[in-house]
Amino acid sequence: KRAAFSSTNFENILTWETEADIPPGTVFDVQYKQYGEKSWLNKRECQSITQPFCNLTRETENFTEPYYARVRA
C-alpha cells in the first residue's frame, strides 16, 4: 500500500509500505509505464524481491514525462 516515487539526487526509487502481518516469504513484483502507454513493463531486477523498494531511475530517465508504477505481492 502507499506506493510512491522518491526522487533524490536524480535517482527515482519506488517505495511502498507492507501490512504488519505480511506472511514470511512474501515477494513483490514491480511494473512501470509511461503516461499514455497501455502496457505495463516488468522491472526485471525487481521481480520476486523481498525488500519494499525498487530503483526505477533508468526506466524514468526522461524527467519531463510522467510515469506510473505498481507493485504486486
C-alpha atoms as a PDB file:
ATOM      1  CA  LYS A   1       0.000   0.000   0.000  1.00  0.00           C
ATOM      2  CA  ARG A   2       1.019   3.636  -0.434  1.00  0.00           C
ATOM      3  CA  ALA A   3       3.465   3.076  -3.265  1.00  0.00           C
ATOM      4  CA  ALA A   4       5.237   6.311  -4.164  1.00  0.00           C
ATOM      5  CA  PHE A   5       8.266   7.599  -6.031  1.00  0.00           C
ATOM      6  CA  SER A   6      11.014   9.201  -4.010  1.00  0.00           C
ATOM      7  CA  SER A   7      13.381  11.275  -6.144  1.00  0.00           C
ATOM      8  CA  THR A   8      16.718  12.331  -4.684  1.00  0.00           C
ATOM      9  CA  ASN A   9      19.957  13.208  -6.497  1.00  0.00           C
ATOM     10  CA  PHE A  10      18.393  12.239  -9.843  1.00  0.00           C
ATOM     11  CA  GLU A  11      17.506   8.743  -8.612  1.00  0.00           C
ATOM     12  CA  ASN A  12      13.878   7.599  -8.723  1.00  0.00           C
ATOM     13  CA  ILE A  13      13.163   4.971  -6.106  1.00  0.00           C
ATOM     14  CA  LEU A  14       9.736   3.388  -5.786  1.00  0.00           C
ATOM     15  CA  THR A  15       8.919   2.584  -2.161  1.00  0.00           C
ATOM     16  CA  TRP A  16       5.859   1.013  -0.569  1.00  0.00           C
ATOM     17  CA  GLU A  17       4.502   0.019   2.784  1.00  0.00           C
ATOM     18  CA  THR A  18       3.582  -3.519   3.750  1.00  0.00           C
ATOM     19  CA  GLU A  19       0.984  -4.791   6.163  1.00  0.00           C
ATOM     20  CA  ALA A  20       2.220  -5.597   9.653  1.00  0.00           C
ATOM     21  CA  ASP A  21       1.039  -9.189   9.357  1.00  0.00           C
ATOM     22  CA  ILE A  22       2.648  -9.935   5.989  1.00  0.00           C
ATOM     23  CA  PRO A  23       3.407 -13.662   5.706  1.00  0.00           C
ATOM     24  CA  PRO A  24       7.076 -14.702   5.755  1.00  0.00           C
ATOM     25  CA  GLY A  25       8.466 -15.301   2.288  1.00  0.00           C
ATOM     26  CA  THR A  26       6.173 -12.782   0.594  1.00  0.00           C
ATOM     27  CA  VAL A  27       7.760 -11.449  -2.595  1.00  0.00           C
ATOM     28  CA  PHE A  28       6.968  -8.403  -4.712  1.00  0.00           C
ATOM     29  CA  ASP A  29       6.886  -7.738  -8.460  1.00  0.00           C
ATOM     30  CA  VAL A  30       7.284  -4.187  -9.783  1.00  0.00           C
ATOM     31  CA  GLN A  31       5.893  -2.873 -13.061  1.00  0.00           C
ATOM     32  CA  TYR A  32       6.049   0.586 -14.608  1.00  0.00           C
ATOM     33  CA  LYS A  33       4.821   2.536 -17.623  1.00  0.00           C
ATOM     34  CA  GLN A  34       4.940   5.997 -19.091  1.00  0.00           C
ATOM     35  CA  TYR A  35       1.763   8.081 -19.117  1.00  0.00           C
ATOM     36  CA  GLY A  36      -0.310   7.251 -22.173  1.00  0.00           C
ATOM     37  CA  GLU A  37       1.140   3.765 -22.680  1.00  0.00           C
ATOM     38  CA  LYS A  38      -1.270   0.838 -22.474  1.00  0.00           C
ATOM     39  CA  SER A  39       1.106  -1.926 -21.443  1.00  0.00           C
ATOM     40  CA  TRP A  40       2.847  -2.318 -18.108  1.00  0.00           C
ATOM     41  CA  LEU A  41       6.516  -3.329 -18.264  1.00  0.00           C
ATOM     42  CA  ASN A  42       8.229  -5.570 -15.735  1.00  0.00           C
ATOM     43  CA  LYS A  43      11.284  -4.189 -13.966  1.00  0.00           C
ATOM     44  CA  ARG A  44      13.475  -7.271 -14.386  1.00  0.00           C
ATOM     45  CA  GLU A  45      15.667  -6.606 -11.350  1.00  0.00           C
ATOM     46  CA  CYS A  46      12.582  -6.123  -9.152  1.00  0.00           C
ATOM     47  CA  GLN A  47      10.733  -9.379  -9.715  1.00  0.00           C
ATOM     48  CA  SER A  48      10.287 -11.725  -6.752  1.00  0.00           C
ATOM     49  CA  ILE A  49      12.050  -9.324  -4.381  1.00  0.00           C
ATOM     50  CA  THR A  50      11.564  -9.137  -0.615  1.00  0.00           C
ATOM     51  CA  GLN A  51      12.605  -5.524   0.083  1.00  0.00           C
ATOM     52  CA  PRO A  52       9.958  -2.743  -0.083  1.00  0.00           C
ATOM     53  CA  PHE A  53      11.749  -0.596  -2.685  1.00  0.00           C
ATOM     54  CA  CYS A  54      12.913  -0.673  -6.301  1.00  0.00           C
ATOM     55  CA  ASN A  55      15.251   1.628  -8.217  1.00  0.00           C
ATOM     56  CA  LEU A  56      13.487   2.807 -11.397  1.00  0.00           C
ATOM     57  CA  THR A  57      15.989   5.520 -12.316  1.00  0.00           C
ATOM     58  CA  ARG A  58      16.941   4.086 -15.726  1.00  0.00           C
ATOM     59  CA  GLU A  59      13.312   3.453 -16.630  1.00  0.00           C
ATOM     60  CA  THR A  60      12.245   7.006 -15.721  1.00  0.00           C
ATOM     61  CA  GLU A  61      15.149   8.999 -17.166  1.00  0.00           C
ATOM     62  CA  ASN A  62      13.025  11.488 -19.080  1.00  0.00           C
ATOM     63  CA  PHE A  63      12.116  13.844 -16.238  1.00  0.00           C
ATOM     64  CA  THR A  64       9.654  15.760 -18.442  1.00  0.00           C
ATOM     65  CA  GLU A  65       7.381  12.704 -18.774  1.00  0.00           C
ATOM     66  CA  PRO A  66       5.033  11.341 -16.102  1.00  0.00           C
ATOM     67  CA  TYR A  67       5.425   7.700 -15.075  1.00  0.00           C
ATOM     68  CA  TYR A  68       3.342   5.193 -13.169  1.00  0.00           C
ATOM     69  CA  ALA A  69       4.478   2.188 -11.177  1.00  0.00           C
ATOM     70  CA  ARG A  70       2.726  -0.591  -9.337  1.00  0.00           C
ATOM     71  CA  VAL A  71       3.649  -3.406  -7.004  1.00  0.00           C
ATOM     72  CA  ARG A  72       2.056  -6.809  -6.647  1.00  0.00           C
ATOM     73  CA  ALA A  73       2.649  -9.154  -3.724  1.00  0.00           C
END
